[in-house]
Amino acid sequence: MKVKIHTLFEYLLETTESEPEAFVGFSLSKSPVLGDFLDELDPTLSLDWNGRSFRGLPELRAHVLRQASLDHICNVNDVLITAGAAEANYLALRQLLEPGDEIVIEKPGWPQAEVMAKAQGAVVKTGFRRATSGWDLDLDELRSLVTPKTKLIFLTNPNNPTGRLLSLDDLSEIVAIARNVGAWLIVDEVYAGLEWAAPRPPSIAGLYERGITTGSVSKALGLQGLRTGWMICQDKDLIIDAVILRENSSEIMNILGEVIAEIALRPDRYNIALSAARAAGLANLAELNNFIENQPLLSWIPPEAGLIGLAKLGNGLDSSFVAKRLLEPPYKTFLLPGSAYDQPDHIRVGVGGGTEANLALGLSRLAAFLNAQA
């Protein structure tokens, strides 16, 4: 069955050439430049594949386990390096779901799972996060959706796009729900490391034998262009099946992506970069929170983690209208409509991108637009 475009990607395709002057929707930390890594790169590095493992560089896989605090639970062969978390999710969804299987997803959430599941003929069942309950995942509702036919549960933690966190108690309950029917459980952790309200929750791959953790260097470290992510799972068959499936798509990893990601995840560099990203994120979140508190046409539940959140629009404003109008002169400011997440009365706002995002300018232009709608 044909894979249909999801609304988020459709909007990005439509607006790629808009050339905004400010961003109130940047979803990743300030990106490093290549020069930041040149001193650590070997100029004689072959641009062939790594020549050591189809799973990815062993030292990179060791760093992945360490940053997820799984190095005492999993081993490097439980890790597959992928072309971003998106490919990790794709490989798991593609190999696990068959026509008629049930998958339980969350909304709002990362739309990839729904798109892939429908293309594979799976039955999609949805648990809703509601603003009226602080965007919490309703575990009673989740339990009611899971049946003996449930093959897979797909969640994000921190939630993408609300920034809500699942605690250890939440995750333990979700594991019990999944284990009761033998379902697989994917938890996408692309915003892990940027927690504000609580410590980083444990990764699902360490809590459940059928737990699959996916993540990448894209968000917290701003290294989206490397297209380097991972899948972690203690089930050896799942990992090797993913390797075999990838042989028929991207086949092997980008060697420069692997090497630079390995450098970036070395403990000394990783800790410095993450500290800088956290400091910048907190400062920008404070600025955004102050803005929203003083804007009559906006309200929100601040994210507990990550660099994005959903803000509710007043006066019956439609998010698609707001986002598209903001891209036009005189505003030329980018943010995502909540309609990309089936939340048409919300906008997705973000605080990443560093000084180049021109957040203060974007907020002033958003204020001017909203004041004109009052």
Protein backbone atom coordinates (compact mmCIF):
# COMPACT_ATOMS: atom_id res chain seq x y z
CA MET A 1 0.00 0.00 0.00
CA LYS A 2 1.23 3.50 -0.83
CA VAL A 3 2.80 5.51 2.00
CA LYS A 4 0.79 8.71 2.32
CA ILE A 5 2.34 11.99 3.35
CA HIS A 6 1.64 13.17 6.89
CA THR A 7 0.51 16.74 7.49
CA LEU A 8 3.70 17.82 9.26
CA PHE A 9 5.96 16.85 6.36
CA GLU A 10 3.51 18.26 3.85
CA TYR A 11 3.71 21.65 5.56
CA LEU A 12 7.52 21.53 5.63
CA LEU A 13 7.62 20.71 1.92
CA GLU A 14 5.33 23.63 1.15
CA THR A 15 7.36 26.14 3.16
CA THR A 16 10.97 25.08 2.58
CA GLU A 17 11.70 27.97 0.22
CA SER A 18 9.94 30.66 2.27
CA GLU A 19 13.19 32.14 3.73
CA PRO A 20 11.92 33.30 7.12
CA GLU A 21 13.91 35.91 9.04
CA ALA A 22 13.01 34.49 12.47
CA PHE A 23 11.96 31.17 13.98
CA VAL A 24 9.59 30.54 16.86
CA GLY A 25 9.53 26.90 15.96
CA PHE A 26 13.10 25.64 15.90
CA SER A 27 13.12 22.10 17.26
CA LEU A 28 16.81 21.35 17.76
CA SER A 29 19.74 22.86 19.60
CA LYS A 30 22.17 25.19 17.86
CA SER A 31 24.07 23.14 15.30
CA PRO A 32 27.87 22.87 15.49
CA VAL A 33 29.93 23.47 12.36
CA LEU A 34 32.31 21.06 10.68
CA GLY A 35 35.29 23.04 11.93
CA ASP A 36 34.42 22.08 15.50
CA PHE A 37 35.43 18.52 14.66
CA LEU A 38 38.35 18.94 12.26
CA ASP A 39 41.05 18.52 14.89
CA GLU A 40 39.65 15.09 15.75
CA LEU A 41 39.12 13.90 12.17
CA ASP A 42 41.72 11.75 10.44
CA PRO A 43 42.42 13.24 6.96
CA THR A 44 43.37 9.76 5.75
CA LEU A 45 39.95 8.37 6.68
CA SER A 46 38.63 6.19 3.87
CA LEU A 47 35.23 7.25 2.59
CA ASP A 48 34.26 3.64 2.14
CA TRP A 49 32.02 2.12 4.84
CA ASN A 50 33.53 1.54 8.29
CA GLY A 51 34.68 -1.96 7.34
CA ARG A 52 34.18 -3.22 10.90
CA SER A 53 30.51 -3.87 11.55
CA PHE A 54 27.21 -3.59 9.73
CA ARG A 55 25.73 -2.56 13.06
CA GLY A 56 27.87 0.60 13.16
CA LEU A 57 31.18 1.59 14.70
CA PRO A 58 31.60 -0.36 17.97
CA GLU A 59 32.89 2.68 19.85
CA LEU A 60 29.92 4.74 18.69
CA ARG A 61 27.53 2.03 19.84
CA ALA A 62 29.29 1.99 23.22
CA HIS A 63 28.74 5.76 23.54
CA VAL A 64 25.06 5.31 22.67
CA LEU A 65 24.63 2.83 25.52
CA ARG A 66 26.54 5.05 27.94
CA GLN A 67 24.51 8.19 27.29
CA ALA A 68 21.30 6.17 27.75
CA SER A 69 22.65 4.59 30.99
CA LEU A 70 22.26 1.15 29.42
CA ASP A 71 25.93 0.17 29.39
CA HIS A 72 25.45 -2.17 32.38
CA ILE A 73 22.29 -3.74 30.95
CA CYS A 74 22.85 -4.05 27.20
CA ASN A 75 25.91 -4.77 25.08
CA VAL A 76 27.10 -3.12 21.87
CA ASN A 77 25.47 -5.80 19.72
CA ASP A 78 22.10 -4.66 21.08
CA VAL A 79 22.64 -1.37 19.21
CA LEU A 80 22.13 -0.70 15.51
CA ILE A 81 23.32 2.66 14.14
CA THR A 82 20.77 4.06 11.69
CA ALA A 83 20.12 7.07 9.47
CA GLY A 84 18.52 9.04 12.28
CA ALA A 85 15.80 7.94 14.68
CA ALA A 86 13.42 8.02 11.72
CA GLU A 87 15.17 5.08 10.06
CA ALA A 88 15.34 3.23 13.37
CA ASN A 89 11.58 3.63 13.77
CA TYR A 90 11.03 2.67 10.13
CA LEU A 91 13.05 -0.53 10.43
CA ALA A 92 11.17 -1.62 13.55
CA LEU A 93 7.73 -0.72 12.20
CA ARG A 94 8.42 -2.30 8.83
CA GLN A 95 9.61 -5.61 10.22
CA LEU A 96 7.12 -6.00 13.07
CA LEU A 97 3.78 -5.02 11.54
CA GLU A 98 1.76 -7.18 9.16
CA PRO A 99 -1.71 -6.60 7.69
CA GLY A 100 -4.36 -6.89 10.38
CA ASP A 101 -1.98 -6.39 13.30
CA GLU A 102 -3.00 -3.77 15.83
CA ILE A 103 -0.73 -0.89 16.80
CA VAL A 104 -1.46 1.58 19.60
CA ILE A 105 -0.14 5.11 19.15
CA GLU A 106 -0.47 8.42 20.98
CA LYS A 107 -1.81 11.76 19.75
CA PRO A 108 -0.39 14.29 19.68
CA GLY A 109 2.75 12.38 18.88
CA TRP A 110 5.32 11.72 16.19
CA PRO A 111 3.21 10.89 13.09
CA GLN A 112 5.59 8.40 11.46
CA ALA A 113 4.14 5.34 13.18
CA GLU A 114 0.58 6.02 12.01
CA VAL A 115 1.68 6.66 8.42
CA MET A 116 3.75 3.48 8.24
CA ALA A 117 1.17 1.34 10.01
CA LYS A 118 -1.62 2.35 7.64
CA ALA A 119 0.62 1.70 4.63
CA GLN A 120 1.23 -1.82 5.93
CA GLY A 121 -2.44 -2.56 6.48
CA ALA A 122 -2.25 -2.53 10.26
CA VAL A 123 -5.13 -1.43 12.48
CA VAL A 124 -4.31 1.85 14.25
CA LYS A 125 -5.74 2.51 17.71
CA THR A 126 -5.12 5.87 19.34
CA GLY A 127 -4.62 7.01 22.92
CA PHE A 128 -5.13 10.75 23.23
CA ARG A 129 -3.06 13.18 25.24
CA ARG A 130 -5.36 16.05 26.19
CA ALA A 131 -4.46 19.60 27.12
CA THR A 132 -7.19 19.50 29.76
CA SER A 133 -5.19 16.82 31.61
CA GLY A 134 -1.81 18.50 31.11
CA TRP A 135 -0.98 16.40 28.02
CA ASP A 136 -0.55 13.34 30.24
CA LEU A 137 -0.87 9.94 28.59
CA ASP A 138 -4.03 8.30 29.96
CA LEU A 139 -2.75 4.89 31.03
CA ASP A 140 -6.26 3.59 31.71
CA GLU A 141 -7.20 4.47 28.14
CA LEU A 142 -3.99 2.85 26.88
CA ARG A 143 -4.81 -0.32 28.79
CA SER A 144 -8.29 -0.41 27.27
CA LEU A 145 -6.86 -0.12 23.74
CA VAL A 146 -4.40 -3.00 24.10
CA THR A 147 -5.78 -6.42 23.17
CA PRO A 148 -4.32 -9.84 22.38
CA LYS A 149 -4.13 -8.60 18.77
CA THR A 150 -1.86 -5.70 19.72
CA LYS A 151 1.52 -6.26 18.09
CA LEU A 152 3.12 -2.92 18.90
CA ILE A 153 2.82 0.20 21.06
CA PHE A 154 4.60 3.33 19.82
CA LEU A 155 5.30 6.28 22.16
CA THR A 156 7.68 9.20 22.48
CA ASN A 157 9.45 10.20 25.71
CA PRO A 158 9.80 13.14 26.09
CA ASN A 159 6.59 13.45 24.15
CA ASN A 160 7.01 15.02 20.74
CA PRO A 161 5.49 17.66 20.47
CA THR A 162 4.19 18.53 23.98
CA GLY A 163 7.35 17.90 25.99
CA ARG A 164 5.48 15.83 28.57
CA LEU A 165 7.53 13.19 30.40
CA LEU A 166 6.68 9.61 31.26
CA SER A 167 8.13 8.71 34.68
CA LEU A 168 9.67 5.40 35.72
CA ASP A 169 6.34 4.47 37.32
CA ASP A 170 4.53 5.30 34.07
CA LEU A 171 6.98 3.28 32.00
CA SER A 172 6.78 0.33 34.37
CA GLU A 173 3.00 0.31 34.06
CA ILE A 174 3.21 0.54 30.27
CA VAL A 175 5.68 -2.37 30.23
CA ALA A 176 3.22 -4.44 32.27
CA ILE A 177 0.44 -3.61 29.80
CA ALA A 178 2.63 -4.61 26.83
CA ARG A 179 4.02 -7.73 28.46
CA ASN A 180 0.54 -8.97 29.32
CA VAL A 181 -0.17 -9.47 25.60
CA GLY A 182 3.41 -9.94 24.36
CA ALA A 183 3.41 -6.63 22.45
CA TRP A 184 6.53 -4.84 21.33
CA LEU A 185 7.06 -1.37 22.76
CA ILE A 186 8.93 1.37 20.87
CA VAL A 187 9.82 4.55 22.75
CA ASP A 188 11.35 7.29 20.61
CA GLU A 189 13.74 9.37 22.76
CA VAL A 190 14.99 12.03 20.33
CA TYR A 191 14.71 14.77 23.00
CA ALA A 192 16.37 12.74 25.77
CA GLY A 193 18.94 14.74 27.71
CA LEU A 194 16.89 17.95 27.65
CA GLU A 195 14.72 17.30 30.70
CA TRP A 196 13.68 20.33 32.76
CA ALA A 197 11.15 19.11 35.32
CA ALA A 198 12.69 15.78 36.35
CA PRO A 199 15.74 13.58 35.73
CA ARG A 200 15.98 11.66 32.47
CA PRO A 201 13.68 8.61 32.67
CA PRO A 202 15.21 5.17 32.03
CA SER A 203 15.25 3.87 28.47
CA ILE A 204 12.69 1.23 27.62
CA ALA A 205 15.30 -1.15 26.17
CA GLY A 206 16.58 -1.67 29.71
CA LEU A 207 13.13 -2.22 31.24
CA TYR A 208 11.53 -4.71 28.86
CA GLU A 209 12.78 -7.62 26.78
CA ARG A 210 10.63 -6.41 23.89
CA GLY A 211 11.40 -2.76 24.47
CA ILE A 212 12.96 -0.81 21.60
CA THR A 213 14.66 2.52 22.28
CA THR A 214 15.25 4.83 19.33
CA GLY A 215 17.16 8.10 19.38
CA SER A 216 19.66 10.27 17.56
CA VAL A 217 22.18 13.10 17.79
CA SER A 218 19.75 15.43 15.99
CA LYS A 219 17.89 17.33 18.70
CA ALA A 220 19.92 17.76 21.88
CA LEU A 221 23.25 18.05 20.03
CA GLY A 222 21.93 19.87 16.95
CA LEU A 223 23.53 17.34 14.59
CA GLN A 224 20.47 16.64 12.45
CA GLY A 225 22.42 16.79 9.19
CA LEU A 226 24.59 13.82 10.16
CA ARG A 227 21.52 11.56 9.87
CA THR A 228 22.90 9.41 12.67
CA GLY A 229 20.62 7.67 15.11
CA TRP A 230 20.13 4.28 16.70
CA MET A 231 17.92 1.42 17.72
CA ILE A 232 18.55 -0.41 21.01
CA CYS A 233 16.91 -3.72 21.82
CA GLN A 234 17.95 -6.80 23.80
CA ASP A 235 16.20 -9.08 21.31
CA LYS A 236 19.00 -10.24 19.03
CA ASP A 237 16.65 -11.43 16.27
CA LEU A 238 15.01 -8.01 16.03
CA ILE A 239 18.37 -6.30 15.58
CA ILE A 240 19.62 -8.71 12.92
CA ASP A 241 16.27 -8.51 11.10
CA ALA A 242 16.70 -4.72 11.05
CA VAL A 243 20.21 -5.13 9.62
CA ILE A 244 18.82 -7.38 6.89
CA LEU A 245 15.98 -4.97 6.07
CA ARG A 246 18.37 -2.03 5.91
CA GLU A 247 20.50 -3.96 3.42
CA ASN A 248 17.63 -3.33 1.02
CA SER A 249 17.39 0.40 1.67
CA SER A 250 20.31 2.51 2.94
CA GLU A 251 22.47 -0.67 3.22
CA ILE A 252 25.24 0.84 5.36
CA MET A 253 25.85 3.96 7.43
CA ASN A 254 27.39 7.21 6.22
CA ILE A 255 30.98 6.94 7.46
CA LEU A 256 31.37 10.66 8.12
CA GLY A 257 28.12 10.66 10.09
CA GLU A 258 29.35 7.74 12.18
CA VAL A 259 32.78 9.23 12.82
CA ILE A 260 31.57 12.73 13.74
CA ALA A 261 28.79 11.30 15.92
CA GLU A 262 31.35 9.13 17.71
CA ILE A 263 33.44 12.23 18.43
CA ALA A 264 30.37 14.18 19.58
CA LEU A 265 29.30 11.42 21.97
CA ARG A 266 32.68 11.03 23.64
CA PRO A 267 31.91 11.70 27.32
CA ASP A 268 34.01 14.86 27.66
CA ARG A 269 32.60 16.49 24.52
CA TYR A 270 29.07 15.21 25.06
CA ASN A 271 28.83 16.59 28.58
CA ILE A 272 30.04 20.04 27.50
CA ALA A 273 27.73 20.17 24.48
CA LEU A 274 24.73 18.94 26.44
CA SER A 275 25.35 21.47 29.23
CA ALA A 276 25.48 24.28 26.67
CA ALA A 277 22.30 23.05 24.97
CA ARG A 278 20.50 22.81 28.30
CA ALA A 279 21.55 26.31 29.34
CA ALA A 280 20.43 27.81 26.03
CA GLY A 281 17.18 25.84 26.08
CA LEU A 282 16.30 26.93 29.60
CA ALA A 283 17.02 30.57 28.86
CA ASN A 284 14.92 30.56 25.71
CA LEU A 285 12.11 28.65 27.39
CA ALA A 286 11.98 31.28 30.11
CA GLU A 287 11.73 33.99 27.45
CA LEU A 288 9.00 32.11 25.58
CA ASN A 289 7.08 31.33 28.75
CA ASN A 290 7.11 34.99 29.77
CA PHE A 291 5.90 35.95 26.30
CA ILE A 292 2.99 33.51 26.37
CA GLU A 293 1.96 34.51 29.90
CA ASN A 294 1.64 38.10 28.71
CA GLN A 295 -0.10 37.33 25.40
CA PRO A 296 -3.93 37.29 25.71
CA LEU A 297 -4.39 35.09 22.65
CA LEU A 298 -1.98 32.37 23.77
CA SER A 299 -1.82 29.89 26.62
CA TRP A 300 0.18 26.73 27.15
CA ILE A 301 1.41 23.98 29.40
CA PRO A 302 5.21 24.48 29.39
CA PRO A 303 7.17 21.41 28.26
CA GLU A 304 8.77 19.28 30.95
CA ALA A 305 11.51 18.40 28.47
CA GLY A 306 12.67 19.16 24.96
CA LEU A 307 12.67 22.34 22.91
CA ILE A 308 9.09 22.46 21.64
CA GLY A 309 5.57 22.71 23.00
CA LEU A 310 2.00 23.38 21.92
CA ALA A 311 0.41 26.77 22.61
CA LYS A 312 -3.37 27.19 22.41
CA LEU A 313 -4.75 29.98 20.23
CA GLY A 314 -7.59 32.22 21.34
CA ASN A 315 -10.34 34.00 19.41
CA GLY A 316 -11.06 30.87 17.37
CA LEU A 317 -7.87 31.31 15.36
CA ASP A 318 -6.91 28.43 13.10
CA SER A 319 -3.29 27.30 13.34
CA SER A 320 -2.82 26.77 9.59
CA PHE A 321 -3.96 30.31 8.89
CA VAL A 322 -1.69 31.70 11.60
CA ALA A 323 1.41 29.75 10.50
CA LYS A 324 1.04 30.57 6.81
CA ARG A 325 0.25 34.23 7.41
CA LEU A 326 3.27 34.57 9.68
CA LEU A 327 5.56 33.35 6.90
CA GLU A 328 4.44 36.22 4.68
CA PRO A 329 5.69 39.82 4.82
CA PRO A 330 5.91 41.77 7.02
CA TYR A 331 6.28 38.98 9.58
CA LYS A 332 8.47 36.37 7.81
CA THR A 333 8.48 34.17 10.92
CA PHE A 334 8.35 30.37 11.03
CA LEU A 335 6.37 28.16 13.37
CA LEU A 336 4.41 24.96 12.82
CA PRO A 337 0.62 24.76 12.84
CA GLY A 338 -0.84 22.43 15.43
CA SER A 339 -2.91 20.94 12.62
CA ALA A 340 0.24 18.96 11.78
CA TYR A 341 -0.54 17.04 14.99
CA ASP A 342 -4.34 17.10 14.69
CA GLN A 343 -4.47 20.09 17.05
CA PRO A 344 -5.83 22.87 14.80
CA ASP A 345 -6.38 25.29 17.68
CA HIS A 346 -2.71 25.12 18.75
CA ILE A 347 0.60 26.22 17.29
CA ARG A 348 3.89 24.43 17.82
CA VAL A 349 6.49 26.79 19.22
CA GLY A 350 10.15 26.02 19.76
CA VAL A 351 13.22 27.58 21.29
CA GLY A 352 16.13 25.88 19.55
CA GLY A 353 18.53 27.08 16.90
CA GLY A 354 20.71 29.45 18.91
CA THR A 355 21.05 33.14 18.10
CA GLU A 356 20.54 32.45 14.39
CA ALA A 357 16.89 31.61 15.12
CA ASN A 358 16.26 35.26 16.08
CA LEU A 359 13.75 34.16 18.70
CA ALA A 360 13.23 37.65 20.18
CA LEU A 361 12.53 39.07 16.73
CA GLY A 362 10.16 36.20 15.98
CA LEU A 363 8.27 36.75 19.21
CA SER A 364 7.91 40.46 18.52
CA ARG A 365 6.47 39.69 15.08
CA LEU A 366 4.17 37.03 16.47
CA ALA A 367 2.95 39.59 19.00
CA ALA A 368 2.30 42.12 16.25
CA PHE A 369 0.31 39.56 14.29
CA LEU A 370 -1.75 38.44 17.29
CA ASN A 371 -2.42 42.00 18.38
CA ALA A 372 -3.90 42.62 14.94
CA GLN A 373 -6.27 39.67 15.47
CA ALA A 374 -7.54 40.81 18.88
